[in-house]
């Protein structure tokens, strides 16, 4: 007969339960901290505005104040909701032809 090596089933169950409780607590802390806003929401908003402006500029020039107007009208969508100022900043950079501020950044 082969003897089982490793922790007993009781110790394994306790360790598994403790790991599940810790993971649930960590998830609760993250949800409490960020709620519906992910930690990288500012980057998402900036890139959303940047891409929107680049797409528009391919067809026509953006007029002064048009980025802010689009954000107020809700054209930015869900990405602009996280950080409207970052969305407008990204839109202005895209309209001016500047490279994205996040270009080349690995996080």
N, C-alpha and C. Protein backbone atom coordinates (compact mmCIF):
# COMPACT_ATOMS: atom_id res chain seq x y z
N UNK A 1 0.85 -1.17 0.00
CA UNK A 1 0.00 0.00 0.00
C UNK A 1 0.90 1.25 0.00
N UNK A 2 0.52 2.26 -0.79
CA UNK A 2 1.30 3.50 -0.91
C UNK A 2 0.74 4.53 0.05
N UNK A 3 1.64 5.12 0.83
CA UNK A 3 1.24 6.13 1.81
C UNK A 3 1.18 7.50 1.12
N UNK A 4 0.14 8.27 1.40
CA UNK A 4 -0.03 9.62 0.85
C UNK A 4 0.99 10.56 1.48
N UNK A 5 1.70 11.31 0.64
CA UNK A 5 2.66 12.29 1.14
C UNK A 5 2.08 13.68 1.01
N UNK A 6 2.40 14.54 1.92
CA UNK A 6 1.90 15.91 1.89
C UNK A 6 1.00 16.17 3.08
N UNK A 7 0.38 17.34 3.12
CA UNK A 7 -0.47 17.68 4.26
C UNK A 7 -1.72 16.82 4.29
N UNK A 8 -2.26 16.66 5.47
CA UNK A 8 -3.50 15.91 5.60
C UNK A 8 -4.63 16.68 4.93
N UNK A 9 -5.70 15.98 4.66
CA UNK A 9 -6.83 16.63 4.00
C UNK A 9 -7.40 17.75 4.86
N UNK A 10 -7.37 17.57 6.17
CA UNK A 10 -7.87 18.61 7.08
C UNK A 10 -7.03 19.87 7.00
N UNK A 11 -5.70 19.73 7.02
CA UNK A 11 -4.81 20.89 6.91
C UNK A 11 -4.96 21.56 5.55
N UNK A 12 -5.12 20.76 4.50
CA UNK A 12 -5.30 21.31 3.16
C UNK A 12 -6.58 22.12 3.08
N UNK A 13 -7.66 21.61 3.66
CA UNK A 13 -8.95 22.33 3.64
C UNK A 13 -8.85 23.65 4.39
N UNK A 14 -8.15 23.64 5.52
CA UNK A 14 -7.98 24.87 6.32
C UNK A 14 -7.16 25.89 5.52
N UNK A 15 -6.08 25.44 4.89
CA UNK A 15 -5.24 26.35 4.11
C UNK A 15 -6.01 26.91 2.92
N UNK A 16 -6.79 26.06 2.25
CA UNK A 16 -7.58 26.51 1.10
C UNK A 16 -8.64 27.52 1.54
N UNK A 17 -9.28 27.28 2.65
CA UNK A 17 -10.29 28.21 3.18
C UNK A 17 -9.65 29.54 3.56
N UNK A 18 -8.49 29.49 4.20
CA UNK A 18 -7.80 30.73 4.58
C UNK A 18 -7.40 31.52 3.34
N UNK A 19 -6.91 30.85 2.30
CA UNK A 19 -6.54 31.53 1.06
C UNK A 19 -7.77 32.18 0.41
N UNK A 20 -8.90 31.50 0.43
CA UNK A 20 -10.13 32.05 -0.15
C UNK A 20 -10.59 33.28 0.62
N UNK A 21 -10.50 33.22 1.95
CA UNK A 21 -10.89 34.36 2.79
C UNK A 21 -9.98 35.56 2.52
N UNK A 22 -8.68 35.32 2.43
CA UNK A 22 -7.74 36.41 2.15
C UNK A 22 -7.97 37.01 0.76
N UNK A 23 -8.21 36.17 -0.23
CA UNK A 23 -8.47 36.68 -1.58
C UNK A 23 -9.75 37.51 -1.62
N UNK A 24 -10.78 37.06 -0.90
CA UNK A 24 -12.03 37.82 -0.84
C UNK A 24 -11.82 39.15 -0.13
N UNK A 25 -11.05 39.16 0.95
CA UNK A 25 -10.77 40.41 1.66
C UNK A 25 -9.98 41.37 0.79
N UNK A 26 -8.98 40.86 0.07
CA UNK A 26 -8.20 41.71 -0.83
C UNK A 26 -9.07 42.29 -1.93
N UNK A 27 -9.96 41.48 -2.49
CA UNK A 27 -10.86 41.98 -3.52
C UNK A 27 -11.79 43.05 -2.96
N UNK A 28 -12.25 42.84 -1.72
CA UNK A 28 -13.11 43.83 -1.08
C UNK A 28 -12.40 45.16 -0.87
N UNK A 29 -11.14 45.10 -0.48
CA UNK A 29 -10.35 46.33 -0.29
C UNK A 29 -10.18 47.06 -1.62
N UNK A 30 -9.87 46.32 -2.68
CA UNK A 30 -9.70 46.94 -4.01
C UNK A 30 -11.00 47.56 -4.51
N UNK A 31 -12.11 46.86 -4.32
CA UNK A 31 -13.41 47.39 -4.75
C UNK A 31 -13.75 48.64 -3.95
N UNK A 32 -13.48 48.61 -2.65
CA UNK A 32 -13.75 49.78 -1.82
C UNK A 32 -12.89 50.97 -2.23
N UNK A 33 -11.65 50.69 -2.58
CA UNK A 33 -10.71 51.77 -2.95
C UNK A 33 -11.05 52.38 -4.29
N UNK A 34 -11.33 51.56 -5.30
CA UNK A 34 -11.51 52.06 -6.66
C UNK A 34 -12.95 52.08 -7.12
N UNK A 35 -13.86 51.42 -6.43
CA UNK A 35 -15.27 51.34 -6.78
C UNK A 35 -15.40 50.94 -8.25
N UNK A 36 -16.05 51.74 -9.07
CA UNK A 36 -16.21 51.41 -10.49
C UNK A 36 -15.09 51.98 -11.34
N UNK A 37 -14.16 52.68 -10.75
CA UNK A 37 -13.08 53.35 -11.49
C UNK A 37 -11.80 52.52 -11.37
N UNK A 38 -11.33 51.98 -12.48
CA UNK A 38 -10.09 51.20 -12.39
C UNK A 38 -8.89 52.10 -12.07
N UNK A 39 -7.82 51.54 -11.50
CA UNK A 39 -6.67 52.35 -11.10
C UNK A 39 -6.00 53.06 -12.28
N UNK A 40 -6.14 52.57 -13.47
CA UNK A 40 -5.51 53.17 -14.64
C UNK A 40 -6.53 53.99 -15.45
N UNK A 41 -7.60 54.47 -14.79
CA UNK A 41 -8.68 55.17 -15.48
C UNK A 41 -8.21 56.45 -16.17
N UNK A 42 -7.25 57.17 -15.59
CA UNK A 42 -6.76 58.40 -16.21
C UNK A 42 -6.10 58.08 -17.55
N UNK A 43 -5.32 57.00 -17.60
CA UNK A 43 -4.69 56.59 -18.86
C UNK A 43 -5.74 56.19 -19.90
N UNK A 44 -6.79 55.50 -19.45
CA UNK A 44 -7.86 55.09 -20.36
C UNK A 44 -8.54 56.33 -20.94
N UNK A 45 -8.84 57.30 -20.09
CA UNK A 45 -9.50 58.52 -20.54
C UNK A 45 -8.62 59.29 -21.52
N UNK A 46 -7.34 59.43 -21.20
CA UNK A 46 -6.42 60.16 -22.08
C UNK A 46 -6.33 59.49 -23.45
N UNK A 47 -6.13 58.18 -23.47
CA UNK A 47 -6.01 57.47 -24.74
C UNK A 47 -7.31 57.53 -25.53
N UNK A 48 -8.44 57.50 -24.84
CA UNK A 48 -9.73 57.61 -25.53
C UNK A 48 -9.86 58.94 -26.25
N UNK A 49 -9.50 60.02 -25.58
CA UNK A 49 -9.54 61.34 -26.21
C UNK A 49 -8.54 61.47 -27.34
N UNK A 50 -7.36 60.92 -27.12
CA UNK A 50 -6.30 60.98 -28.13
C UNK A 50 -6.75 60.26 -29.41
N UNK A 51 -7.26 59.06 -29.26
CA UNK A 51 -7.68 58.29 -30.43
C UNK A 51 -8.87 58.94 -31.14
N UNK A 52 -9.80 59.49 -30.36
CA UNK A 52 -10.95 60.18 -30.97
C UNK A 52 -10.47 61.34 -31.83
N UNK A 53 -9.54 62.14 -31.33
CA UNK A 53 -9.03 63.29 -32.09
C UNK A 53 -8.26 62.85 -33.33
N UNK A 54 -7.45 61.80 -33.19
CA UNK A 54 -6.68 61.32 -34.34
C UNK A 54 -7.62 60.86 -35.45
N UNK A 55 -8.69 60.17 -35.08
CA UNK A 55 -9.66 59.71 -36.08
C UNK A 55 -10.34 60.89 -36.78
N UNK A 56 -10.69 61.91 -36.02
CA UNK A 56 -11.37 63.07 -36.60
C UNK A 56 -10.42 63.86 -37.49
N UNK A 57 -9.19 64.03 -37.04
CA UNK A 57 -8.21 64.84 -37.78
C UNK A 57 -7.90 64.20 -39.14
N UNK A 58 -8.06 62.90 -39.26
CA UNK A 58 -7.84 62.26 -40.56
C UNK A 58 -8.82 62.80 -41.61
N UNK A 59 -9.99 63.24 -41.17
CA UNK A 59 -11.01 63.72 -42.10
C UNK A 59 -11.13 65.24 -42.14
N UNK A 60 -10.89 65.90 -41.02
CA UNK A 60 -11.00 67.36 -40.97
C UNK A 60 -10.26 67.88 -39.76
N UNK A 61 -10.04 69.18 -39.71
CA UNK A 61 -9.34 69.79 -38.58
C UNK A 61 -10.33 70.05 -37.44
N UNK A 62 -9.86 69.89 -36.23
CA UNK A 62 -10.68 70.21 -35.07
C UNK A 62 -10.60 71.71 -34.79
N UNK A 63 -11.74 72.32 -34.56
CA UNK A 63 -11.76 73.74 -34.23
C UNK A 63 -11.40 73.94 -32.76
N UNK A 64 -11.01 75.16 -32.43
CA UNK A 64 -10.65 75.49 -31.04
C UNK A 64 -11.85 75.24 -30.14
N UNK A 65 -11.61 74.55 -29.05
CA UNK A 65 -12.66 74.26 -28.08
C UNK A 65 -13.54 73.08 -28.42
N UNK A 66 -13.28 72.45 -29.56
CA UNK A 66 -14.14 71.34 -29.98
C UNK A 66 -13.94 70.09 -29.12
N UNK A 67 -12.72 69.88 -28.63
CA UNK A 67 -12.48 68.72 -27.75
C UNK A 67 -13.33 68.84 -26.48
N UNK A 68 -13.31 70.00 -25.85
CA UNK A 68 -14.10 70.20 -24.63
C UNK A 68 -15.59 70.10 -24.93
N UNK A 69 -16.00 70.62 -26.08
CA UNK A 69 -17.41 70.55 -26.47
C UNK A 69 -17.84 69.09 -26.67
N UNK A 70 -16.99 68.30 -27.33
CA UNK A 70 -17.32 66.88 -27.54
C UNK A 70 -17.45 66.16 -26.20
N UNK A 71 -16.56 66.48 -25.26
CA UNK A 71 -16.63 65.83 -23.94
C UNK A 71 -17.92 66.20 -23.23
N UNK A 72 -18.31 67.49 -23.29
CA UNK A 72 -19.56 67.92 -22.64
C UNK A 72 -20.77 67.27 -23.29
N UNK A 73 -20.72 67.02 -24.59
CA UNK A 73 -21.84 66.40 -25.30
C UNK A 73 -21.89 64.89 -25.11
N UNK A 74 -20.89 64.33 -24.46
CA UNK A 74 -20.89 62.91 -24.20
C UNK A 74 -20.30 62.06 -25.31
N UNK A 75 -19.64 62.69 -26.28
CA UNK A 75 -19.06 61.96 -27.40
C UNK A 75 -17.90 61.08 -26.93
N UNK A 76 -17.28 61.44 -25.83
CA UNK A 76 -16.16 60.66 -25.30
C UNK A 76 -16.55 59.30 -24.78
N UNK A 77 -17.83 59.11 -24.49
CA UNK A 77 -18.31 57.82 -24.02
C UNK A 77 -17.82 57.46 -22.63
N UNK A 78 -17.73 56.16 -22.40
CA UNK A 78 -17.36 55.66 -21.07
C UNK A 78 -15.93 56.03 -20.69
N UNK A 79 -15.07 56.18 -21.66
CA UNK A 79 -13.67 56.49 -21.34
C UNK A 79 -13.54 57.89 -20.76
N UNK A 80 -14.33 58.83 -21.25
CA UNK A 80 -14.25 60.20 -20.75
C UNK A 80 -14.83 60.33 -19.35
N UNK A 81 -15.71 59.42 -18.97
CA UNK A 81 -16.35 59.49 -17.65
C UNK A 81 -15.32 59.34 -16.53
N UNK A 82 -14.31 58.51 -16.73
CA UNK A 82 -13.32 58.26 -15.67
C UNK A 82 -12.56 59.53 -15.30
N UNK A 83 -12.15 60.30 -16.30
CA UNK A 83 -11.38 61.52 -16.04
C UNK A 83 -11.57 62.47 -17.23
N UNK A 84 -12.61 63.31 -17.20
CA UNK A 84 -12.91 64.18 -18.34
C UNK A 84 -11.74 65.09 -18.73
N UNK A 85 -11.00 65.60 -17.75
CA UNK A 85 -9.88 66.50 -18.07
C UNK A 85 -8.79 65.76 -18.84
N UNK A 86 -8.52 64.52 -18.45
CA UNK A 86 -7.51 63.72 -19.17
C UNK A 86 -7.99 63.40 -20.58
N UNK A 87 -9.30 63.17 -20.74
CA UNK A 87 -9.84 62.90 -22.08
C UNK A 87 -9.62 64.11 -22.98
N UNK A 88 -9.94 65.29 -22.47
CA UNK A 88 -9.76 66.52 -23.26
C UNK A 88 -8.28 66.73 -23.56
N UNK A 89 -7.41 66.48 -22.59
CA UNK A 89 -5.97 66.64 -22.80
C UNK A 89 -5.49 65.69 -23.92
N UNK A 90 -5.95 64.46 -23.88
CA UNK A 90 -5.59 63.50 -24.94
C UNK A 90 -6.13 63.93 -26.28
N UNK A 91 -7.33 64.45 -26.30
CA UNK A 91 -7.93 64.94 -27.54
C UNK A 91 -7.11 66.09 -28.12
N UNK A 92 -6.70 67.02 -27.27
CA UNK A 92 -5.90 68.15 -27.73
C UNK A 92 -4.55 67.70 -28.28
N UNK A 93 -3.91 66.73 -27.60
CA UNK A 93 -2.63 66.20 -28.09
C UNK A 93 -2.80 65.51 -29.43
N UNK A 94 -3.87 64.73 -29.57
CA UNK A 94 -4.12 64.05 -30.84
C UNK A 94 -4.43 65.03 -31.96
N UNK A 95 -5.18 66.07 -31.65
CA UNK A 95 -5.52 67.07 -32.67
C UNK A 95 -4.29 67.86 -33.10
N UNK A 96 -3.36 68.08 -32.16
CA UNK A 96 -2.15 68.85 -32.48
C UNK A 96 -1.09 67.99 -33.17
N UNK A 97 -1.33 66.68 -33.23
CA UNK A 97 -0.36 65.81 -33.87
C UNK A 97 0.79 65.39 -32.97
N UNK A 98 0.66 65.67 -31.67
CA UNK A 98 1.70 65.25 -30.73
C UNK A 98 1.63 63.75 -30.50
N UNK A 99 2.73 63.13 -30.15
CA UNK A 99 2.67 61.71 -29.80
C UNK A 99 1.92 61.54 -28.47
N UNK A 100 1.32 60.39 -28.27
CA UNK A 100 0.63 60.11 -27.03
C UNK A 100 1.61 60.16 -25.86
N UNK A 101 1.18 60.74 -24.74
CA UNK A 101 2.07 60.82 -23.58
C UNK A 101 2.37 59.43 -23.01
N UNK A 102 1.54 58.46 -23.33
CA UNK A 102 1.72 57.10 -22.81
C UNK A 102 2.48 56.22 -23.80
N UNK A 103 2.89 56.77 -24.92
CA UNK A 103 3.55 55.97 -25.93
C UNK A 103 4.88 55.43 -25.40
N UNK A 104 5.06 54.14 -25.48
CA UNK A 104 6.29 53.52 -25.05
C UNK A 104 6.34 53.19 -23.57
N UNK A 105 5.29 53.50 -22.83
CA UNK A 105 5.29 53.24 -21.39
C UNK A 105 4.75 51.83 -21.16
N UNK A 106 5.49 51.04 -20.43
CA UNK A 106 5.04 49.71 -20.05
C UNK A 106 4.79 49.73 -18.56
N UNK A 107 3.59 49.35 -18.18
CA UNK A 107 3.24 49.37 -16.75
C UNK A 107 2.98 48.00 -16.25
